[in-house]
Amino acid sequence: LGARADEIKSLNAAYKREYDTAYHLITARAETLSSALPPPNPVAVEGAKKRAAAIVKKEFRNTRRGRGRTFSAYVDALTCKGPVRFTETISALSDTVVAADMEAGLAPVFMSALLNGAVDAGYDCVRCPDPLRPEDTLHVIVPEVRIAFVSGRWDGDRPSRRVRLDLLPGTDALKEDRARLCRTRKLAGLLEDEAAAALARAKAIHDRLEAVYRPCVDFRGVDWLTGRHSEALAKLSESAQCGG
């Protein structure tokens, strides 16, 4: 590898630059979307919570048990091939899908209230975070009753019904500024496309980097070292559990 050290360093720096570009574009996308929406109207926020509470009361009736558990799983991602949603995962865990629109920016409030209500009622839930804003809940799946609540459009193979959060009281400002919001969302979409393109370039460069060093790696030796250290760590863990 010594003869190709400069090439390896160059490729290593190049793919990292592309990843940095992608991260900056993703940040810009998030900031563009958040700045486009007016501050949440307390009336609209309360309306979203009430809509969630009504659904919880209807769908999760068996409340004579302890508090449910929450598991996390990502089913959406921004990849080098663009945005990806694994609808088959949602379909495997549900028979009915409730799709909440995202136009008014109330979906995270709605999903959080749904999640808390279902867990409080004693149902185990799968929380699916937004990959670009992990603090926000993008979807909630309740396998026991075979129902899923998703943000945005649903293109899967399960029947769905829609919750129009954009029509709640307190969302009038969005209707008055619809043209600007539409332009902003298009801009956010372009930033997302550019981020995916940067990820694709990073992957292509990293593939070239691997093509240089992979022939020089003794993978059998790596496997042997991995097994050796794994055994040592396992013995150390057992010793610690037994009090030394």
C-alpha atoms as a PDB file:
ATOM      1  CA  LEU A   1       0.000   0.000   0.000  1.00  0.00           C
ATOM      2  CA  GLY A   2       2.967   2.326   0.508  1.00  0.00           C
ATOM      3  CA  ALA A   3       3.248   3.010  -3.209  1.00  0.00           C
ATOM      4  CA  ARG A   4      -0.365   4.173  -3.319  1.00  0.00           C
ATOM      5  CA  ALA A   5      -0.384   6.081  -0.035  1.00  0.00           C
ATOM      6  CA  ASP A   6      -0.961   9.457  -1.708  1.00  0.00           C
ATOM      7  CA  GLU A   7      -3.858   8.077  -3.727  1.00  0.00           C
ATOM      8  CA  ILE A   8      -5.443   6.583  -0.595  1.00  0.00           C
ATOM      9  CA  LYS A   9      -5.091   9.867   1.306  1.00  0.00           C
ATOM     10  CA  SER A  10      -6.598  11.803  -1.592  1.00  0.00           C
ATOM     11  CA  LEU A  11      -9.584   9.460  -1.942  1.00  0.00           C
ATOM     12  CA  ASN A  12     -10.115   9.405   1.814  1.00  0.00           C
ATOM     13  CA  ALA A  13     -10.223  13.208   1.968  1.00  0.00           C
ATOM     14  CA  ALA A  14     -12.451  13.440  -1.125  1.00  0.00           C
ATOM     15  CA  TYR A  15     -15.200  11.128   0.117  1.00  0.00           C
ATOM     16  CA  LYS A  16     -15.231  12.873   3.506  1.00  0.00           C
ATOM     17  CA  ARG A  17     -15.687  16.243   1.749  1.00  0.00           C
ATOM     18  CA  GLU A  18     -18.707  14.870  -0.095  1.00  0.00           C
ATOM     19  CA  TYR A  19     -20.210  13.607   3.155  1.00  0.00           C
ATOM     20  CA  ASP A  20     -19.663  17.042   4.721  1.00  0.00           C
ATOM     21  CA  THR A  21     -21.443  18.597   1.730  1.00  0.00           C
ATOM     22  CA  ALA A  22     -24.374  16.210   2.163  1.00  0.00           C
ATOM     23  CA  TYR A  23     -24.664  17.000   5.882  1.00  0.00           C
ATOM     24  CA  HIS A  24     -24.645  20.763   5.199  1.00  0.00           C
ATOM     25  CA  LEU A  25     -27.365  20.350   2.573  1.00  0.00           C
ATOM     26  CA  ILE A  26     -29.477  18.232   4.922  1.00  0.00           C
ATOM     27  CA  THR A  27     -29.131  20.908   7.604  1.00  0.00           C
ATOM     28  CA  ALA A  28     -30.099  23.592   5.102  1.00  0.00           C
ATOM     29  CA  ARG A  29     -33.149  21.581   4.085  1.00  0.00           C
ATOM     30  CA  ALA A  30     -34.314  21.263   7.687  1.00  0.00           C
ATOM     31  CA  GLU A  31     -33.773  24.960   8.363  1.00  0.00           C
ATOM     32  CA  THR A  32     -35.595  25.909   5.158  1.00  0.00           C
ATOM     33  CA  LEU A  33     -38.655  23.898   6.120  1.00  0.00           C
ATOM     34  CA  SER A  34     -38.709  25.060   9.726  1.00  0.00           C
ATOM     35  CA  SER A  35     -38.338  28.736   8.779  1.00  0.00           C
ATOM     36  CA  ALA A  36     -41.143  28.490   6.226  1.00  0.00           C
ATOM     37  CA  LEU A  37     -43.772  27.515   8.765  1.00  0.00           C
ATOM     38  CA  PRO A  38     -45.122  30.172  11.118  1.00  0.00           C
ATOM     39  CA  PRO A  39     -44.814  29.512  14.868  1.00  0.00           C
ATOM     40  CA  PRO A  40     -47.281  26.783  15.871  1.00  0.00           C
ATOM     41  CA  ASN A  41     -50.649  28.250  16.730  1.00  0.00           C
ATOM     42  CA  PRO A  42     -51.628  27.072  20.250  1.00  0.00           C
ATOM     43  CA  VAL A  43     -55.177  26.498  19.012  1.00  0.00           C
ATOM     44  CA  ALA A  44     -53.915  24.246  16.185  1.00  0.00           C
ATOM     45  CA  VAL A  45     -51.548  22.374  18.517  1.00  0.00           C
ATOM     46  CA  GLU A  46     -54.362  21.726  20.968  1.00  0.00           C
ATOM     47  CA  GLY A  47     -56.573  20.606  18.078  1.00  0.00           C
ATOM     48  CA  ALA A  48     -53.957  18.084  16.938  1.00  0.00           C
ATOM     49  CA  LYS A  49     -53.677  16.691  20.464  1.00  0.00           C
ATOM     50  CA  LYS A  50     -57.461  16.393  20.736  1.00  0.00           C
ATOM     51  CA  ARG A  51     -57.645  14.599  17.381  1.00  0.00           C
ATOM     52  CA  ALA A  52     -55.018  12.145  18.621  1.00  0.00           C
ATOM     53  CA  ALA A  53     -56.865  11.662  21.921  1.00  0.00           C
ATOM     54  CA  ALA A  54     -60.093  10.851  20.062  1.00  0.00           C
ATOM     55  CA  ILE A  55     -58.313   8.214  17.976  1.00  0.00           C
ATOM     56  CA  VAL A  56     -56.661   6.721  21.072  1.00  0.00           C
ATOM     57  CA  LYS A  57     -60.050   6.433  22.783  1.00  0.00           C
ATOM     58  CA  LYS A  58     -61.529   4.687  19.745  1.00  0.00           C
ATOM     59  CA  GLU A  59     -58.673   2.341  18.813  1.00  0.00           C
ATOM     60  CA  PHE A  60     -57.174   1.431  22.203  1.00  0.00           C
ATOM     61  CA  ARG A  61     -60.065   0.432  24.406  1.00  0.00           C
ATOM     62  CA  ASN A  62     -58.478  -2.246  26.576  1.00  0.00           C
ATOM     63  CA  THR A  63     -56.871  -0.065  29.241  1.00  0.00           C
ATOM     64  CA  ARG A  64     -57.020  -2.514  32.163  1.00  0.00           C
ATOM     65  CA  ARG A  65     -53.319  -3.304  32.189  1.00  0.00           C
ATOM     66  CA  GLY A  66     -49.970  -1.695  32.857  1.00  0.00           C
ATOM     67  CA  ARG A  67     -48.142   0.812  30.766  1.00  0.00           C
ATOM     68  CA  GLY A  68     -46.955  -0.367  27.361  1.00  0.00           C
ATOM     69  CA  ARG A  69     -43.412  -0.312  26.027  1.00  0.00           C
ATOM     70  CA  THR A  70     -41.876   1.755  23.248  1.00  0.00           C
ATOM     71  CA  PHE A  71     -39.472   0.333  20.688  1.00  0.00           C
ATOM     72  CA  SER A  72     -37.672   2.455  18.093  1.00  0.00           C
ATOM     73  CA  ALA A  73     -37.095   1.566  14.453  1.00  0.00           C
ATOM     74  CA  TYR A  74     -36.221   3.654  11.419  1.00  0.00           C
ATOM     75  CA  VAL A  75     -38.266   2.881   8.314  1.00  0.00           C
ATOM     76  CA  ASP A  76     -37.267   6.040   6.405  1.00  0.00           C
ATOM     77  CA  ALA A  77     -33.849   7.181   5.249  1.00  0.00           C
ATOM     78  CA  LEU A  78     -32.132   9.593   2.919  1.00  0.00           C
ATOM     79  CA  THR A  79     -29.708   7.508   0.875  1.00  0.00           C
ATOM     80  CA  CYS A  80     -27.439   7.872  -2.128  1.00  0.00           C
ATOM     81  CA  LYS A  81     -30.459   6.764  -4.180  1.00  0.00           C
ATOM     82  CA  GLY A  82     -32.734   9.387  -2.661  1.00  0.00           C
ATOM     83  CA  PRO A  83     -35.423   9.145   0.031  1.00  0.00           C
ATOM     84  CA  VAL A  84     -36.415   5.601   0.960  1.00  0.00           C
ATOM     85  CA  ARG A  85     -39.377   4.364   2.998  1.00  0.00           C
ATOM     86  CA  PHE A  86     -39.690   0.661   3.816  1.00  0.00           C
ATOM     87  CA  THR A  87     -43.453   0.425   3.486  1.00  0.00           C
ATOM     88  CA  GLU A  88     -43.217  -3.367   3.613  1.00  0.00           C
ATOM     89  CA  THR A  89     -42.111  -3.110   7.251  1.00  0.00           C
ATOM     90  CA  ILE A  90     -45.180  -1.048   8.098  1.00  0.00           C
ATOM     91  CA  SER A  91     -47.418  -3.416   6.121  1.00  0.00           C
ATOM     92  CA  ALA A  92     -45.987  -6.449   7.915  1.00  0.00           C
ATOM     93  CA  LEU A  93     -47.038  -5.002  11.276  1.00  0.00           C
ATOM     94  CA  SER A  94     -50.418  -3.501  10.367  1.00  0.00           C
ATOM     95  CA  ASP A  95     -53.634  -4.101   8.447  1.00  0.00           C
ATOM     96  CA  THR A  96     -54.833  -0.504   8.500  1.00  0.00           C
ATOM     97  CA  VAL A  97     -52.880   2.715   7.998  1.00  0.00           C
ATOM     98  CA  VAL A  98     -53.891   6.190   9.121  1.00  0.00           C
ATOM     99  CA  ALA A  99     -52.009   8.873   7.167  1.00  0.00           C
ATOM    100  CA  ALA A 100     -51.630  12.334   8.709  1.00  0.00           C
ATOM    101  CA  ASP A 101     -50.737  15.199   6.390  1.00  0.00           C
ATOM    102  CA  MET A 102     -47.598  17.216   7.106  1.00  0.00           C
ATOM    103  CA  GLU A 103     -48.581  20.523   5.512  1.00  0.00           C
ATOM    104  CA  ALA A 104     -49.262  22.381   8.759  1.00  0.00           C
ATOM    105  CA  GLY A 105     -46.224  21.061  10.642  1.00  0.00           C
ATOM    106  CA  LEU A 106     -48.500  19.439  13.210  1.00  0.00           C
ATOM    107  CA  ALA A 107     -47.658  15.806  12.448  1.00  0.00           C
ATOM    108  CA  PRO A 108     -44.932  15.530  15.155  1.00  0.00           C
ATOM    109  CA  VAL A 109     -47.371  16.864  17.781  1.00  0.00           C
ATOM    110  CA  PHE A 110     -50.086  14.488  16.579  1.00  0.00           C
ATOM    111  CA  MET A 111     -47.766  11.458  16.492  1.00  0.00           C
ATOM    112  CA  SER A 112     -46.290  12.192  19.921  1.00  0.00           C
ATOM    113  CA  ALA A 113     -49.764  12.443  21.449  1.00  0.00           C
ATOM    114  CA  LEU A 114     -50.806   9.195  19.759  1.00  0.00           C
ATOM    115  CA  LEU A 115     -47.713   7.390  20.989  1.00  0.00           C
ATOM    116  CA  ASN A 116     -48.133   8.569  24.566  1.00  0.00           C
ATOM    117  CA  GLY A 117     -51.849   7.733  24.549  1.00  0.00           C
ATOM    118  CA  ALA A 118     -51.335   4.210  23.199  1.00  0.00           C
ATOM    119  CA  VAL A 119     -48.495   3.475  25.640  1.00  0.00           C
ATOM    120  CA  ASP A 120     -50.516   4.870  28.551  1.00  0.00           C
ATOM    121  CA  ALA A 121     -53.360   2.556  27.519  1.00  0.00           C
ATOM    122  CA  GLY A 122     -51.014  -0.429  27.849  1.00  0.00           C
ATOM    123  CA  TYR A 123     -50.093  -1.084  24.207  1.00  0.00           C
ATOM    124  CA  ASP A 124     -46.550  -1.757  23.016  1.00  0.00           C
ATOM    125  CA  CYS A 125     -45.652   0.618  20.186  1.00  0.00           C
ATOM    126  CA  VAL A 126     -42.975   0.972  17.542  1.00  0.00           C
ATOM    127  CA  ARG A 127     -41.840   4.581  17.288  1.00  0.00           C
ATOM    128  CA  CYS A 128     -40.319   5.482  13.926  1.00  0.00           C
ATOM    129  CA  PRO A 129     -38.196   8.647  14.222  1.00  0.00           C
ATOM    130  CA  ASP A 130     -37.697  11.146  11.431  1.00  0.00           C
ATOM    131  CA  PRO A 131     -34.190  10.292  10.118  1.00  0.00           C
ATOM    132  CA  LEU A 132     -33.449  13.972   9.504  1.00  0.00           C
ATOM    133  CA  ARG A 133     -34.987  15.131  12.817  1.00  0.00           C
ATOM    134  CA  PRO A 134     -34.706  12.142  15.196  1.00  0.00           C
ATOM    135  CA  GLU A 135     -36.380  14.048  18.012  1.00  0.00           C
ATOM    136  CA  ASP A 136     -39.611  14.017  15.974  1.00  0.00           C
ATOM    137  CA  THR A 137     -41.834  10.927  15.702  1.00  0.00           C
ATOM    138  CA  LEU A 138     -42.600  10.270  12.037  1.00  0.00           C
ATOM    139  CA  HIS A 139     -44.752   7.132  12.407  1.00  0.00           C
ATOM    140  CA  VAL A 140     -46.299   5.043  15.171  1.00  0.00           C
ATOM    141  CA  ILE A 141     -47.055   1.336  14.709  1.00  0.00           C
ATOM    142  CA  VAL A 142     -49.163  -0.667  17.169  1.00  0.00           C
ATOM    143  CA  PRO A 143     -48.728  -4.328  16.134  1.00  0.00           C
ATOM    144  CA  GLU A 144     -51.174  -5.761  18.692  1.00  0.00           C
ATOM    145  CA  VAL A 145     -54.157  -4.080  17.030  1.00  0.00           C
ATOM    146  CA  ARG A 146     -52.553  -4.116  13.564  1.00  0.00           C
ATOM    147  CA  ILE A 147     -52.723  -0.357  12.978  1.00  0.00           C
ATOM    148  CA  ALA A 148     -50.095   2.152  11.880  1.00  0.00           C
ATOM    149  CA  PHE A 149     -50.105   5.938  11.883  1.00  0.00           C
ATOM    150  CA  VAL A 150     -47.838   7.479   9.252  1.00  0.00           C
ATOM    151  CA  SER A 151     -46.838  11.027   8.380  1.00  0.00           C
ATOM    152  CA  GLY A 152     -47.367  12.120   4.791  1.00  0.00           C
ATOM    153  CA  ARG A 153     -48.611  10.119   1.828  1.00  0.00           C
ATOM    154  CA  TRP A 154     -49.115   6.385   2.090  1.00  0.00           C
ATOM    155  CA  ASP A 155     -48.170   4.378  -1.010  1.00  0.00           C
ATOM    156  CA  GLY A 156     -48.141   0.919   0.547  1.00  0.00           C
ATOM    157  CA  ASP A 157     -50.451  -2.031  -0.015  1.00  0.00           C
ATOM    158  CA  ARG A 158     -52.594  -1.582   3.107  1.00  0.00           C
ATOM    159  CA  PRO A 159     -55.923   0.305   3.123  1.00  0.00           C
ATOM    160  CA  SER A 160     -55.603   3.773   4.582  1.00  0.00           C
ATOM    161  CA  ARG A 161     -57.601   6.715   5.786  1.00  0.00           C
ATOM    162  CA  ARG A 162     -56.435  10.308   6.075  1.00  0.00           C
ATOM    163  CA  VAL A 163     -56.294  12.775   8.951  1.00  0.00           C
ATOM    164  CA  ARG A 164     -56.401  16.369   7.683  1.00  0.00           C
ATOM    165  CA  LEU A 165     -54.390  18.267  10.266  1.00  0.00           C
ATOM    166  CA  ASP A 166     -54.115  21.184   7.841  1.00  0.00           C
ATOM    167  CA  LEU A 167     -57.843  21.862   8.260  1.00  0.00           C
ATOM    168  CA  LEU A 168     -57.760  22.229  12.033  1.00  0.00           C
ATOM    169  CA  PRO A 169     -58.742  25.566  13.590  1.00  0.00           C
ATOM    170  CA  GLY A 170     -55.708  27.820  13.873  1.00  0.00           C
ATOM    171  CA  THR A 171     -54.143  26.869  10.521  1.00  0.00           C
ATOM    172  CA  ASP A 172     -55.595  29.839   8.619  1.00  0.00           C
ATOM    173  CA  ALA A 173     -52.175  31.507   8.261  1.00  0.00           C
ATOM    174  CA  LEU A 174     -51.010  28.525   6.192  1.00  0.00           C
ATOM    175  CA  LYS A 175     -53.899  28.867   3.768  1.00  0.00           C
ATOM    176  CA  GLU A 176     -53.164  32.586   3.293  1.00  0.00           C
ATOM    177  CA  ASP A 177     -49.483  31.888   2.521  1.00  0.00           C
ATOM    178  CA  ARG A 178     -49.881  28.690   0.513  1.00  0.00           C
ATOM    179  CA  ALA A 179     -47.964  29.952  -2.543  1.00  0.00           C
ATOM    180  CA  ARG A 180     -44.838  30.823  -0.522  1.00  0.00           C
ATOM    181  CA  LEU A 181     -44.991  27.527   1.349  1.00  0.00           C
ATOM    182  CA  CYS A 182     -45.233  25.671  -1.943  1.00  0.00           C
ATOM    183  CA  ARG A 183     -42.097  27.427  -3.239  1.00  0.00           C
ATOM    184  CA  THR A 184     -40.250  26.725   0.002  1.00  0.00           C
ATOM    185  CA  ARG A 185     -41.099  23.017  -0.134  1.00  0.00           C
ATOM    186  CA  LYS A 186     -39.820  22.855  -3.709  1.00  0.00           C
ATOM    187  CA  LEU A 187     -36.577  24.468  -2.564  1.00  0.00           C
ATOM    188  CA  ALA A 188     -36.307  21.953   0.298  1.00  0.00           C
ATOM    189  CA  GLY A 189     -36.865  19.176  -2.234  1.00  0.00           C
ATOM    190  CA  LEU A 190     -34.015  20.480  -4.389  1.00  0.00           C
ATOM    191  CA  LEU A 191     -31.716  20.608  -1.361  1.00  0.00           C
ATOM    192  CA  GLU A 192     -32.674  17.024  -0.549  1.00  0.00           C
ATOM    193  CA  ASP A 193     -31.911  15.966  -4.132  1.00  0.00           C
ATOM    194  CA  GLU A 194     -28.499  17.654  -3.931  1.00  0.00           C
ATOM    195  CA  ALA A 195     -27.795  15.937  -0.597  1.00  0.00           C
ATOM    196  CA  ALA A 196     -28.613  12.551  -2.130  1.00  0.00           C
ATOM    197  CA  ALA A 197     -26.327  13.368  -5.082  1.00  0.00           C
ATOM    198  CA  ALA A 198     -23.500  14.227  -2.668  1.00  0.00           C
ATOM    199  CA  LEU A 199     -24.057  10.918  -0.867  1.00  0.00           C
ATOM    200  CA  ALA A 200     -23.900   9.124  -4.230  1.00  0.00           C
ATOM    201  CA  ARG A 201     -20.599  10.827  -5.064  1.00  0.00           C
ATOM    202  CA  ALA A 202     -19.236   9.935  -1.605  1.00  0.00           C
ATOM    203  CA  LYS A 203     -20.171   6.287  -2.121  1.00  0.00           C
ATOM    204  CA  ALA A 204     -18.548   6.192  -5.568  1.00  0.00           C
ATOM    205  CA  ILE A 205     -15.305   7.622  -4.184  1.00  0.00           C
ATOM    206  CA  HIS A 206     -15.382   5.246  -1.215  1.00  0.00           C
ATOM    207  CA  ASP A 207     -15.859   2.315  -3.605  1.00  0.00           C
ATOM    208  CA  ARG A 208     -12.690   3.435  -5.434  1.00  0.00           C
ATOM    209  CA  LEU A 209     -10.901   3.641  -2.074  1.00  0.00           C
ATOM    210  CA  GLU A 210     -11.951   0.103  -1.180  1.00  0.00           C
ATOM    211  CA  ALA A 211     -10.800  -1.138  -4.587  1.00  0.00           C
ATOM    212  CA  VAL A 212      -7.307   0.120  -3.711  1.00  0.00           C
ATOM    213  CA  TYR A 213      -6.909  -1.338  -0.226  1.00  0.00           C
ATOM    214  CA  ARG A 214      -9.111  -4.460  -0.248  1.00  0.00           C
ATOM    215  CA  PRO A 215      -6.624  -6.620  -2.241  1.00  0.00           C
ATOM    216  CA  CYS A 216      -4.012  -5.832   0.416  1.00  0.00           C
ATOM    217  CA  VAL A 217      -6.133  -6.813   3.437  1.00  0.00           C
ATOM    218  CA  ASP A 218      -5.769 -10.271   4.999  1.00  0.00           C
ATOM    219  CA  PHE A 219      -9.435 -10.822   5.873  1.00  0.00           C
ATOM    220  CA  ARG A 220      -8.765 -14.282   7.320  1.00  0.00           C
ATOM    221  CA  GLY A 221      -6.315 -12.657   9.703  1.00  0.00           C
ATOM    222  CA  VAL A 222      -8.868  -9.991  10.569  1.00  0.00           C
ATOM    223  CA  ASP A 223     -11.453 -12.694  11.318  1.00  0.00           C
ATOM    224  CA  TRP A 224      -8.946 -14.557  13.486  1.00  0.00           C
ATOM    225  CA  LEU A 225      -8.105 -11.414  15.479  1.00  0.00           C
ATOM    226  CA  THR A 226     -11.782 -10.586  15.858  1.00  0.00           C
ATOM    227  CA  GLY A 227     -12.548 -14.047  17.217  1.00  0.00           C
ATOM    228  CA  ARG A 228      -9.574 -13.954  19.560  1.00  0.00           C
ATOM    229  CA  HIS A 229     -10.501 -10.602  21.063  1.00  0.00           C
ATOM    230  CA  SER A 230     -14.194 -11.514  21.225  1.00  0.00           C
ATOM    231  CA  GLU A 231     -13.362 -14.582  23.308  1.00  0.00           C
ATOM    232  CA  ALA A 232     -11.163 -12.503  25.624  1.00  0.00           C
ATOM    233  CA  LEU A 233     -13.879  -9.883  26.060  1.00  0.00           C
ATOM    234  CA  ALA A 234     -16.493 -12.577  26.739  1.00  0.00           C
ATOM    235  CA  LYS A 235     -14.295 -14.103  29.481  1.00  0.00           C
ATOM    236  CA  LEU A 236     -13.715 -10.647  30.966  1.00  0.00           C
ATOM    237  CA  SER A 237     -17.459  -9.985  31.000  1.00  0.00           C
ATOM    238  CA  GLU A 238     -18.173 -13.331  32.681  1.00  0.00           C
ATOM    239  CA  SER A 239     -15.499 -12.620  35.282  1.00  0.00           C
ATOM    240  CA  ALA A 240     -16.990  -9.197  36.042  1.00  0.00           C
ATOM    241  CA  GLN A 241     -20.485 -10.679  36.432  1.00  0.00           C
ATOM    242  CA  CYS A 242     -19.142 -13.268  38.865  1.00  0.00           C
ATOM    243  CA  GLY A 243     -17.494 -10.574  40.952  1.00  0.00           C
ATOM    244  CA  GLY A 244     -13.953 -11.158  39.746  1.00  0.00           C
END
